[in-house]
PDB file of all heavy atoms in Angstrom:
ATOM      1  N   ASP A   1      -8.876   6.922  15.458  1.00  0.00           N
ATOM      2  CA  ASP A   1      -7.684   6.184  15.603  1.00  0.00           C
ATOM      3  C   ASP A   1      -7.801   4.650  15.196  1.00  0.00           C
ATOM      4  O   ASP A   1      -6.949   4.136  14.515  1.00  0.00           O
ATOM      5  CB  ASP A   1      -7.150   6.221  17.029  1.00  0.00           C
ATOM      6  CG  ASP A   1      -6.533   7.601  17.330  1.00  0.00           C
ATOM      7  OD1 ASP A   1      -6.276   8.339  16.421  1.00  0.00           O
ATOM      8  OD2 ASP A   1      -6.416   7.881  18.588  1.00  0.00           O
ATOM      9  N   MET A   2      -8.923   3.995  15.553  1.00  0.00           N
ATOM     10  CA  MET A   2      -9.088   2.626  15.253  1.00  0.00           C
ATOM     11  C   MET A   2      -9.164   2.403  13.699  1.00  0.00           C
ATOM     12  O   MET A   2      -8.487   1.515  13.143  1.00  0.00           O
ATOM     13  CB  MET A   2     -10.253   2.027  15.909  1.00  0.00           C
ATOM     14  CG  MET A   2     -10.375   0.563  15.950  1.00  0.00           C
ATOM     15  SD  MET A   2     -11.626  -0.027  17.050  1.00  0.00           S
ATOM     16  CE  MET A   2     -12.661  -0.800  15.913  1.00  0.00           C
ATOM     17  N   ASP A   3      -9.927   3.263  13.037  1.00  0.00           N
ATOM     18  CA  ASP A   3     -10.060   3.126  11.608  1.00  0.00           C
ATOM     19  C   ASP A   3      -8.712   3.510  10.917  1.00  0.00           C
ATOM     20  O   ASP A   3      -8.364   2.863   9.964  1.00  0.00           O
ATOM     21  CB  ASP A   3     -11.213   4.017  11.073  1.00  0.00           C
ATOM     22  CG  ASP A   3     -12.563   3.610  11.666  1.00  0.00           C
ATOM     23  OD1 ASP A   3     -12.756   2.359  11.818  1.00  0.00           O
ATOM     24  OD2 ASP A   3     -13.416   4.473  11.692  1.00  0.00           O
ATOM     25  N   TRP A   4      -8.044   4.497  11.412  1.00  0.00           N
ATOM     26  CA  TRP A   4      -6.808   4.940  10.853  1.00  0.00           C
ATOM     27  C   TRP A   4      -5.708   3.832  10.968  1.00  0.00           C
ATOM     28  O   TRP A   4      -5.058   3.487  10.011  1.00  0.00           O
ATOM     29  CB  TRP A   4      -6.286   6.153  11.612  1.00  0.00           C
ATOM     30  CG  TRP A   4      -4.924   6.581  11.205  1.00  0.00           C
ATOM     31  CD1 TRP A   4      -3.777   6.419  11.911  1.00  0.00           C
ATOM     32  CD2 TRP A   4      -4.473   7.244  10.041  1.00  0.00           C
ATOM     33  NE1 TRP A   4      -2.719   6.964  11.317  1.00  0.00           N
ATOM     34  CE2 TRP A   4      -3.095   7.428  10.092  1.00  0.00           C
ATOM     35  CE3 TRP A   4      -5.172   7.646   8.887  1.00  0.00           C
ATOM     36  CZ2 TRP A   4      -2.385   8.053   9.103  1.00  0.00           C
ATOM     37  CZ3 TRP A   4      -4.453   8.336   7.875  1.00  0.00           C
ATOM     38  CH2 TRP A   4      -3.090   8.483   8.001  1.00  0.00           C
ATOM     39  N   ASN A   5      -5.723   3.107  12.135  1.00  0.00           N
ATOM     40  CA  ASN A   5      -4.794   2.013  12.311  1.00  0.00           C
ATOM     41  C   ASN A   5      -5.084   0.874  11.381  1.00  0.00           C
ATOM     42  O   ASN A   5      -4.192   0.208  10.898  1.00  0.00           O
ATOM     43  CB  ASN A   5      -4.817   1.602  13.841  1.00  0.00           C
ATOM     44  CG  ASN A   5      -4.095   2.651  14.698  1.00  0.00           C
ATOM     45  OD1 ASN A   5      -3.274   3.410  14.299  1.00  0.00           O
ATOM     46  ND2 ASN A   5      -4.513   2.655  15.963  1.00  0.00           N
ATOM     47  N   ASP A   6      -6.378   0.579  11.250  1.00  0.00           N
ATOM     48  CA  ASP A   6      -6.759  -0.512  10.266  1.00  0.00           C
ATOM     49  C   ASP A   6      -6.296  -0.177   8.865  1.00  0.00           C
ATOM     50  O   ASP A   6      -5.788  -1.055   8.183  1.00  0.00           O
ATOM     51  CB  ASP A   6      -8.285  -0.694  10.282  1.00  0.00           C
ATOM     52  CG  ASP A   6      -8.825  -1.372  11.543  1.00  0.00           C
ATOM     53  OD1 ASP A   6      -7.947  -1.907  12.279  1.00  0.00           O
ATOM     54  OD2 ASP A   6     -10.019  -1.327  11.836  1.00  0.00           O
ATOM     55  N   PHE A   7      -6.573   1.073   8.457  1.00  0.00           N
ATOM     56  CA  PHE A   7      -6.125   1.559   7.137  1.00  0.00           C
ATOM     57  C   PHE A   7      -4.571   1.386   6.957  1.00  0.00           C
ATOM     58  O   PHE A   7      -4.077   0.841   6.032  1.00  0.00           O
ATOM     59  CB  PHE A   7      -6.559   2.966   6.886  1.00  0.00           C
ATOM     60  CG  PHE A   7      -6.009   3.596   5.634  1.00  0.00           C
ATOM     61  CD1 PHE A   7      -6.571   3.271   4.371  1.00  0.00           C
ATOM     62  CD2 PHE A   7      -4.935   4.504   5.704  1.00  0.00           C
ATOM     63  CE1 PHE A   7      -6.039   3.846   3.224  1.00  0.00           C
ATOM     64  CE2 PHE A   7      -4.436   5.069   4.630  1.00  0.00           C
ATOM     65  CZ  PHE A   7      -4.980   4.736   3.326  1.00  0.00           C
ATOM     66  N   LEU A   8      -3.825   1.869   7.979  1.00  0.00           N
ATOM     67  CA  LEU A   8      -2.425   1.842   7.902  1.00  0.00           C
ATOM     68  C   LEU A   8      -1.897   0.370   7.883  1.00  0.00           C
ATOM     69  O   LEU A   8      -0.929   0.097   7.165  1.00  0.00           O
ATOM     70  CB  LEU A   8      -1.771   2.561   9.073  1.00  0.00           C
ATOM     71  CG  LEU A   8      -1.576   4.025   8.984  1.00  0.00           C
ATOM     72  CD1 LEU A   8      -0.974   4.581  10.276  1.00  0.00           C
ATOM     73  CD2 LEU A   8      -0.771   4.382   7.742  1.00  0.00           C
ATOM     74  N   GLN A   9      -2.543  -0.438   8.632  1.00  0.00           N
ATOM     75  CA  GLN A   9      -2.123  -1.868   8.694  1.00  0.00           C
ATOM     76  C   GLN A   9      -2.277  -2.499   7.241  1.00  0.00           C
ATOM     77  O   GLN A   9      -1.392  -3.221   6.802  1.00  0.00           O
ATOM     78  CB  GLN A   9      -3.003  -2.618   9.667  1.00  0.00           C
ATOM     79  CG  GLN A   9      -2.568  -4.081   9.807  1.00  0.00           C
ATOM     80  CD  GLN A   9      -1.121  -4.221  10.381  1.00  0.00           C
ATOM     81  OE1 GLN A   9      -0.710  -3.456  11.250  1.00  0.00           O
ATOM     82  NE2 GLN A   9      -0.341  -5.117   9.815  1.00  0.00           N
ATOM     83  N   GLN A  10      -3.406  -2.186   6.580  1.00  0.00           N
ATOM     84  CA  GLN A  10      -3.586  -2.689   5.225  1.00  0.00           C
ATOM     85  C   GLN A  10      -2.507  -2.142   4.264  1.00  0.00           C
ATOM     86  O   GLN A  10      -1.951  -2.947   3.428  1.00  0.00           O
ATOM     87  CB  GLN A  10      -4.947  -2.303   4.679  1.00  0.00           C
ATOM     88  CG  GLN A  10      -6.122  -2.995   5.415  1.00  0.00           C
ATOM     89  CD  GLN A  10      -7.443  -2.449   4.909  1.00  0.00           C
ATOM     90  OE1 GLN A  10      -7.591  -1.814   3.901  1.00  0.00           O
ATOM     91  NE2 GLN A  10      -8.472  -2.728   5.696  1.00  0.00           N
ATOM     92  N   VAL A  11      -2.267  -0.823   4.364  1.00  0.00           N
ATOM     93  CA  VAL A  11      -1.243  -0.201   3.505  1.00  0.00           C
ATOM     94  C   VAL A  11       0.077  -0.877   3.723  1.00  0.00           C
ATOM     95  O   VAL A  11       0.785  -1.258   2.746  1.00  0.00           O
ATOM     96  CB  VAL A  11      -1.213   1.307   3.677  1.00  0.00           C
ATOM     97  CG1 VAL A  11      -0.015   1.913   2.990  1.00  0.00           C
ATOM     98  CG2 VAL A  11      -2.523   1.933   3.188  1.00  0.00           C
ATOM     99  N   CYS A  12       0.534  -0.959   4.997  1.00  0.00           N
ATOM    100  CA  CYS A  12       1.831  -1.551   5.305  1.00  0.00           C
ATOM    101  C   CYS A  12       1.979  -2.993   4.911  1.00  0.00           C
ATOM    102  O   CYS A  12       3.046  -3.366   4.350  1.00  0.00           O
ATOM    103  CB  CYS A  12       2.096  -1.340   6.821  1.00  0.00           C
ATOM    104  SG  CYS A  12       2.412   0.361   7.304  1.00  0.00           S
ATOM    105  N   SER A  13       0.923  -3.730   5.045  1.00  0.00           N
ATOM    106  CA  SER A  13       1.097  -5.167   4.681  1.00  0.00           C
ATOM    107  C   SER A  13       1.111  -5.341   3.185  1.00  0.00           C
ATOM    108  O   SER A  13       1.850  -6.201   2.671  1.00  0.00           O
ATOM    109  CB  SER A  13      -0.164  -5.971   5.265  1.00  0.00           C
ATOM    110  OG  SER A  13      -1.305  -5.641   4.696  1.00  0.00           O
ATOM    111  N   LEU A  14       0.441  -4.465   2.395  1.00  0.00           N
ATOM    112  CA  LEU A  14       0.545  -4.487   0.970  1.00  0.00           C
ATOM    113  C   LEU A  14       1.971  -4.046   0.477  1.00  0.00           C
ATOM    114  O   LEU A  14       2.564  -4.736  -0.417  1.00  0.00           O
ATOM    115  CB  LEU A  14      -0.477  -3.563   0.281  1.00  0.00           C
ATOM    116  CG  LEU A  14      -1.796  -4.107   0.184  1.00  0.00           C
ATOM    117  CD1 LEU A  14      -2.851  -3.056  -0.387  1.00  0.00           C
ATOM    118  CD2 LEU A  14      -1.916  -5.337  -0.798  1.00  0.00           C
ATOM    119  N   LEU A  15       2.504  -3.093   1.073  1.00  0.00           N
ATOM    120  CA  LEU A  15       3.866  -2.614   0.729  1.00  0.00           C
ATOM    121  C   LEU A  15       4.897  -3.614   1.169  1.00  0.00           C
ATOM    122  O   LEU A  15       5.922  -3.818   0.465  1.00  0.00           O
ATOM    123  CB  LEU A  15       4.177  -1.257   1.371  1.00  0.00           C
ATOM    124  CG  LEU A  15       3.643  -0.028   0.658  1.00  0.00           C
ATOM    125  CD1 LEU A  15       3.914   1.204   1.502  1.00  0.00           C
ATOM    126  CD2 LEU A  15       4.124   0.100  -0.714  1.00  0.00           C
ATOM    127  N   ASP A  16       4.672  -4.245   2.280  1.00  0.00           N
ATOM    128  CA  ASP A  16       5.626  -5.246   2.831  1.00  0.00           C
ATOM    129  C   ASP A  16       5.551  -6.616   2.250  1.00  0.00           C
ATOM    130  O   ASP A  16       6.399  -7.441   2.563  1.00  0.00           O
ATOM    131  CB  ASP A  16       5.407  -5.278   4.366  1.00  0.00           C
ATOM    132  CG  ASP A  16       6.718  -5.465   5.095  1.00  0.00           C
ATOM    133  OD1 ASP A  16       7.778  -5.330   4.522  1.00  0.00           O
ATOM    134  OD2 ASP A  16       6.615  -5.744   6.324  1.00  0.00           O
ATOM    135  N   SER A  17       4.697  -6.779   1.350  1.00  0.00           N
ATOM    136  CA  SER A  17       4.428  -8.064   0.690  1.00  0.00           C
ATOM    137  C   SER A  17       5.749  -8.478   0.021  1.00  0.00           C
ATOM    138  O   SER A  17       6.433  -7.762  -0.614  1.00  0.00           O
ATOM    139  CB  SER A  17       3.323  -8.009  -0.340  1.00  0.00           C
ATOM    140  OG  SER A  17       3.238  -9.124  -1.098  1.00  0.00           O
ATOM    141  N   THR A  18       6.095  -9.791   0.162  1.00  0.00           N
ATOM    142  CA  THR A  18       7.336 -10.278  -0.392  1.00  0.00           C
ATOM    143  C   THR A  18       7.089 -11.015  -1.746  1.00  0.00           C
ATOM    144  O   THR A  18       8.038 -11.626  -2.315  1.00  0.00           O
ATOM    145  CB  THR A  18       7.964 -11.311   0.607  1.00  0.00           C
ATOM    146  OG1 THR A  18       7.055 -12.304   0.924  1.00  0.00           O
ATOM    147  CG2 THR A  18       8.461 -10.601   1.836  1.00  0.00           C
ATOM    148  N   LYS A  19       5.845 -10.967  -2.249  1.00  0.00           N
ATOM    149  CA  LYS A  19       5.608 -11.574  -3.592  1.00  0.00           C
ATOM    150  C   LYS A  19       6.464 -10.884  -4.625  1.00  0.00           C
ATOM    151  O   LYS A  19       6.613  -9.703  -4.628  1.00  0.00           O
ATOM    152  CB  LYS A  19       4.184 -11.412  -3.953  1.00  0.00           C
ATOM    153  CG  LYS A  19       3.223 -12.218  -3.038  1.00  0.00           C
ATOM    154  CD  LYS A  19       1.801 -12.009  -3.516  1.00  0.00           C
ATOM    155  CE  LYS A  19       0.873 -12.818  -2.645  1.00  0.00           C
ATOM    156  NZ  LYS A  19      -0.529 -12.479  -2.894  1.00  0.00           N
ATOM    157  N   LYS A  20       7.077 -11.691  -5.487  1.00  0.00           N
ATOM    158  CA  LYS A  20       8.001 -11.194  -6.492  1.00  0.00           C
ATOM    159  C   LYS A  20       7.480 -11.456  -7.931  1.00  0.00           C
ATOM    160  O   LYS A  20       8.180 -12.041  -8.739  1.00  0.00           O
ATOM    161  CB  LYS A  20       9.398 -11.903  -6.348  1.00  0.00           C
ATOM    162  CG  LYS A  20       9.979 -11.698  -4.950  1.00  0.00           C
ATOM    163  CD  LYS A  20      11.105 -10.798  -5.005  1.00  0.00           C
ATOM    164  CE  LYS A  20      11.850 -10.773  -3.703  1.00  0.00           C
ATOM    165  NZ  LYS A  20      12.187  -9.582  -3.148  1.00  0.00           N
ATOM    166  N   ASN A  21       6.242 -11.074  -8.185  1.00  0.00           N
ATOM    167  CA  ASN A  21       5.796 -11.197  -9.527  1.00  0.00           C
ATOM    168  C   ASN A  21       5.378  -9.864 -10.046  1.00  0.00           C
ATOM    169  O   ASN A  21       5.352  -8.840  -9.359  1.00  0.00           O
ATOM    170  CB  ASN A  21       4.647 -12.200  -9.603  1.00  0.00           C
ATOM    171  CG  ASN A  21       3.470 -11.857  -8.707  1.00  0.00           C
ATOM    172  OD1 ASN A  21       3.092 -10.714  -8.629  1.00  0.00           O
ATOM    173  ND2 ASN A  21       2.916 -12.838  -8.086  1.00  0.00           N
ATOM    174  N   ILE A  22       5.071  -9.777 -11.359  1.00  0.00           N
ATOM    175  CA  ILE A  22       4.656  -8.542 -12.015  1.00  0.00           C
ATOM    176  C   ILE A  22       3.453  -7.950 -11.414  1.00  0.00           C
ATOM    177  O   ILE A  22       3.348  -6.752 -11.192  1.00  0.00           O
ATOM    178  CB  ILE A  22       4.520  -8.746 -13.522  1.00  0.00           C
ATOM    179  CG1 ILE A  22       5.922  -9.116 -14.197  1.00  0.00           C
ATOM    180  CG2 ILE A  22       3.989  -7.533 -14.244  1.00  0.00           C
ATOM    181  CD1 ILE A  22       5.891  -9.517 -15.560  1.00  0.00           C
ATOM    182  N   GLY A  23       2.481  -8.830 -11.117  1.00  0.00           N
ATOM    183  CA  GLY A  23       1.205  -8.327 -10.497  1.00  0.00           C
ATOM    184  C   GLY A  23       1.465  -7.647  -9.168  1.00  0.00           C
ATOM    185  O   GLY A  23       0.831  -6.647  -8.829  1.00  0.00           O
ATOM    186  N   ALA A  24       2.381  -8.252  -8.364  1.00  0.00           N
ATOM    187  CA  ALA A  24       2.621  -7.656  -7.026  1.00  0.00           C
ATOM    188  C   ALA A  24       3.333  -6.316  -7.193  1.00  0.00           C
ATOM    189  O   ALA A  24       3.079  -5.346  -6.461  1.00  0.00           O
ATOM    190  CB  ALA A  24       3.477  -8.615  -6.220  1.00  0.00           C
ATOM    191  N   ALA A  25       4.243  -6.201  -8.169  1.00  0.00           N
ATOM    192  CA  ALA A  25       4.971  -4.948  -8.389  1.00  0.00           C
ATOM    193  C   ALA A  25       3.980  -3.877  -8.838  1.00  0.00           C
ATOM    194  O   ALA A  25       4.027  -2.745  -8.376  1.00  0.00           O
ATOM    195  CB  ALA A  25       6.103  -5.171  -9.399  1.00  0.00           C
ATOM    196  N   ARG A  26       3.075  -4.242  -9.772  1.00  0.00           N
ATOM    197  CA  ARG A  26       2.084  -3.289 -10.253  1.00  0.00           C
ATOM    198  C   ARG A  26       1.134  -2.806  -9.070  1.00  0.00           C
ATOM    199  O   ARG A  26       0.774  -1.649  -9.015  1.00  0.00           O
ATOM    200  CB  ARG A  26       1.215  -3.859 -11.344  1.00  0.00           C
ATOM    201  CG  ARG A  26       1.894  -3.836 -12.621  1.00  0.00           C
ATOM    202  CD  ARG A  26       0.875  -4.174 -13.787  1.00  0.00           C
ATOM    203  NE  ARG A  26       1.620  -4.630 -14.918  1.00  0.00           N
ATOM    204  CZ  ARG A  26       1.393  -5.714 -15.589  1.00  0.00           C
ATOM    205  NH1 ARG A  26       0.402  -6.544 -15.222  1.00  0.00           N
ATOM    206  NH2 ARG A  26       2.043  -6.025 -16.650  1.00  0.00           N
ATOM    207  N   SER A  27       0.820  -3.761  -8.256  1.00  0.00           N
ATOM    208  CA  SER A  27      -0.024  -3.475  -7.101  1.00  0.00           C
ATOM    209  C   SER A  27       0.658  -2.449  -6.125  1.00  0.00           C
ATOM    210  O   SER A  27       0.043  -1.512  -5.674  1.00  0.00           O
ATOM    211  CB  SER A  27      -0.402  -4.757  -6.346  1.00  0.00           C
ATOM    212  OG  SER A  27      -1.230  -4.503  -5.293  1.00  0.00           O
ATOM    213  N   LYS A  28       1.933  -2.691  -5.890  1.00  0.00           N
ATOM    214  CA  LYS A  28       2.713  -1.805  -5.017  1.00  0.00           C
ATOM    215  C   LYS A  28       2.798  -0.384  -5.686  1.00  0.00           C
ATOM    216  O   LYS A  28       2.647   0.597  -4.960  1.00  0.00           O
ATOM    217  CB  LYS A  28       4.090  -2.288  -4.787  1.00  0.00           C
ATOM    218  CG  LYS A  28       4.226  -3.324  -3.669  1.00  0.00           C
ATOM    219  CD  LYS A  28       5.618  -3.732  -3.401  1.00  0.00           C
ATOM    220  CE  LYS A  28       5.695  -4.840  -2.409  1.00  0.00           C
ATOM    221  NZ  LYS A  28       7.014  -5.173  -1.974  1.00  0.00           N
ATOM    222  N   LEU A  29       3.043  -0.362  -7.006  1.00  0.00           N
ATOM    223  CA  LEU A  29       3.154   0.956  -7.696  1.00  0.00           C
ATOM    224  C   LEU A  29       1.867   1.694  -7.579  1.00  0.00           C
ATOM    225  O   LEU A  29       1.816   2.884  -7.411  1.00  0.00           O
ATOM    226  CB  LEU A  29       3.568   0.683  -9.123  1.00  0.00           C
ATOM    227  CG  LEU A  29       5.094   0.478  -9.378  1.00  0.00           C
ATOM    228  CD1 LEU A  29       5.357   0.037 -10.833  1.00  0.00           C
ATOM    229  CD2 LEU A  29       5.902   1.647  -8.982  1.00  0.00           C
ATOM    230  N   ASN A  30       0.743   0.951  -7.834  1.00  0.00           N
ATOM    231  CA  ASN A  30      -0.604   1.564  -7.786  1.00  0.00           C
ATOM    232  C   ASN A  30      -0.833   2.133  -6.359  1.00  0.00           C
ATOM    233  O   ASN A  30      -1.282   3.281  -6.215  1.00  0.00           O
ATOM    234  CB  ASN A  30      -1.648   0.584  -8.156  1.00  0.00           C
ATOM    235  CG  ASN A  30      -2.975   1.208  -8.553  1.00  0.00           C
ATOM    236  OD1 ASN A  30      -2.983   2.284  -9.037  1.00  0.00           O
ATOM    237  ND2 ASN A  30      -3.973   0.505  -8.172  1.00  0.00           N
ATOM    238  N   LEU A  31      -0.473   1.399  -5.335  1.00  0.00           N
ATOM    239  CA  LEU A  31      -0.625   1.867  -3.951  1.00  0.00           C
ATOM    240  C   LEU A  31       0.243   3.139  -3.716  1.00  0.00           C
ATOM    241  O   LEU A  31      -0.186   4.100  -3.140  1.00  0.00           O
ATOM    242  CB  LEU A  31      -0.212   0.796  -2.983  1.00  0.00           C
ATOM    243  CG  LEU A  31      -0.269   1.165  -1.495  1.00  0.00           C
ATOM    244  CD1 LEU A  31      -1.615   1.627  -1.108  1.00  0.00           C
ATOM    245  CD2 LEU A  31       0.209  -0.052  -0.684  1.00  0.00           C
ATOM    246  N   LEU A  32       1.457   3.106  -4.244  1.00  0.00           N
ATOM    247  CA  LEU A  32       2.303   4.275  -4.074  1.00  0.00           C
ATOM    248  C   LEU A  32       1.809   5.523  -4.759  1.00  0.00           C
ATOM    249  O   LEU A  32       1.861   6.608  -4.297  1.00  0.00           O
ATOM    250  CB  LEU A  32       3.777   3.932  -4.544  1.00  0.00           C
ATOM    251  CG  LEU A  32       4.500   2.897  -3.687  1.00  0.00           C
ATOM    252  CD1 LEU A  32       5.688   2.378  -4.358  1.00  0.00           C
ATOM    253  CD2 LEU A  32       4.801   3.538  -2.321  1.00  0.00           C
ATOM    254  N   TYR A  33       1.171   5.322  -5.950  1.00  0.00           N
ATOM    255  CA  TYR A  33       0.504   6.387  -6.653  1.00  0.00           C
ATOM    256  C   TYR A  33      -0.611   7.034  -5.799  1.00  0.00           C
ATOM    257  O   TYR A  33      -0.755   8.198  -5.699  1.00  0.00           O
ATOM    258  CB  TYR A  33       0.014   5.973  -8.017  1.00  0.00           C
ATOM    259  CG  TYR A  33       1.004   5.749  -9.119  1.00  0.00           C
ATOM    260  CD1 TYR A  33       0.958   4.582  -9.902  1.00  0.00           C
ATOM    261  CD2 TYR A  33       1.959   6.695  -9.366  1.00  0.00           C
ATOM    262  CE1 TYR A  33       1.914   4.423 -10.882  1.00  0.00           C
ATOM    263  CE2 TYR A  33       2.925   6.494 -10.362  1.00  0.00           C
ATOM    264  CZ  TYR A  33       2.860   5.365 -11.148  1.00  0.00           C
ATOM    265  OH  TYR A  33       3.794   5.177 -12.113  1.00  0.00           O
ATOM    266  N   TYR A  34      -1.382   6.114  -5.171  1.00  0.00           N
ATOM    267  CA  TYR A  34      -2.488   6.546  -4.326  1.00  0.00           C
ATOM    268  C   TYR A  34      -1.880   7.364  -3.134  1.00  0.00           C
ATOM    269  O   TYR A  34      -2.382   8.432  -2.821  1.00  0.00           O
ATOM    270  CB  TYR A  34      -3.287   5.347  -3.792  1.00  0.00           C
ATOM    271  CG  TYR A  34      -4.190   5.721  -2.687  1.00  0.00           C
ATOM    272  CD1 TYR A  34      -5.355   6.512  -2.919  1.00  0.00           C
ATOM    273  CD2 TYR A  34      -3.994   5.267  -1.384  1.00  0.00           C
ATOM    274  CE1 TYR A  34      -6.212   6.875  -1.901  1.00  0.00           C
ATOM    275  CE2 TYR A  34      -4.804   5.609  -0.393  1.00  0.00           C
ATOM    276  CZ  TYR A  34      -5.994   6.412  -0.605  1.00  0.00           C
ATOM    277  OH  TYR A  34      -6.833   6.722   0.384  1.00  0.00           O
ATOM    278  N   LEU A  35      -0.800   6.898  -2.542  1.00  0.00           N
ATOM    279  CA  LEU A  35      -0.146   7.575  -1.439  1.00  0.00           C
ATOM    280  C   LEU A  35       0.338   8.929  -1.802  1.00  0.00           C
ATOM    281  O   LEU A  35       0.235   9.880  -0.996  1.00  0.00           O
ATOM    282  CB  LEU A  35       0.921   6.704  -0.771  1.00  0.00           C
ATOM    283  CG  LEU A  35       0.501   5.451  -0.029  1.00  0.00           C
ATOM    284  CD1 LEU A  35       1.672   4.639   0.387  1.00  0.00           C
ATOM    285  CD2 LEU A  35      -0.420   5.794   1.187  1.00  0.00           C
ATOM    286  N   CYS A  36       0.832   9.052  -2.994  1.00  0.00           N
ATOM    287  CA  CYS A  36       1.235  10.367  -3.496  1.00  0.00           C
ATOM    288  C   CYS A  36       0.064  11.336  -3.590  1.00  0.00           C
ATOM    289  O   CYS A  36       0.248  12.514  -3.270  1.00  0.00           O
ATOM    290  CB  CYS A  36       1.870  10.243  -4.909  1.00  0.00           C
ATOM    291  SG  CYS A  36       3.489   9.481  -5.009  1.00  0.00           S
ATOM    292  N   THR A  37      -1.085  10.830  -3.926  1.00  0.00           N
ATOM    293  CA  THR A  37      -2.176  11.789  -4.041  1.00  0.00           C
ATOM    294  C   THR A  37      -2.719  12.282  -2.737  1.00  0.00           C
ATOM    295  O   THR A  37      -3.208  13.398  -2.567  1.00  0.00           O
ATOM    296  CB  THR A  37      -3.419  11.187  -4.861  1.00  0.00           C
ATOM    297  OG1 THR A  37      -3.898   9.989  -4.121  1.00  0.00           O
ATOM    298  CG2 THR A  37      -2.981  10.772  -6.232  1.00  0.00           C
ATOM    299  N   VAL A  38      -2.632  11.448  -1.655  1.00  0.00           N
ATOM    300  CA  VAL A  38      -3.085  11.846  -0.305  1.00  0.00           C
ATOM    301  C   VAL A  38      -2.016  12.460   0.512  1.00  0.00           C
ATOM    302  O   VAL A  38      -2.318  13.238   1.478  1.00  0.00           O
ATOM    303  CB  VAL A  38      -3.724  10.654   0.459  1.00  0.00           C
ATOM    304  CG1 VAL A  38      -4.986  10.169  -0.285  1.00  0.00           C
ATOM    305  CG2 VAL A  38      -2.790   9.566   0.714  1.00  0.00           C
ATOM    306  N   ALA A  39      -0.718  12.260   0.158  1.00  0.00           N
ATOM    307  CA  ALA A  39       0.366  12.863   0.895  1.00  0.00           C
ATOM    308  C   ALA A  39       0.518  14.382   0.785  1.00  0.00           C
ATOM    309  O   ALA A  39       1.170  15.020   1.504  1.00  0.00           O
ATOM    310  CB  ALA A  39       1.701  12.230   0.543  1.00  0.00           C
ATOM    311  N   VAL A  40      -0.228  14.945  -0.181  1.00  0.00           N
ATOM    312  CA  VAL A  40      -0.105  16.357  -0.390  1.00  0.00           C
ATOM    313  C   VAL A  40      -1.010  17.115   0.521  1.00  0.00           C
ATOM    314  O   VAL A  40      -1.035  18.417   0.587  1.00  0.00           O
ATOM    315  CB  VAL A  40      -0.455  16.804  -1.857  1.00  0.00           C
ATOM    316  CG1 VAL A  40       0.577  16.180  -2.853  1.00  0.00           C
ATOM    317  CG2 VAL A  40      -1.859  16.371  -2.300  1.00  0.00           C
TER     318      VAL A  40
END
C-alpha cells in the first residue's frame, strides 16, 4: 500500500500539473500511454 500510494501520488501530480507548454502536454500524453499499457 505505501509504495502504491507513492506511485499514485506521482502519477496524479504529473497529470494534475497546470503547466501549459508543449513539453508538459507531451509528458502527460506519454504518461497516459503508459497508463493504457498497465490498465489492461
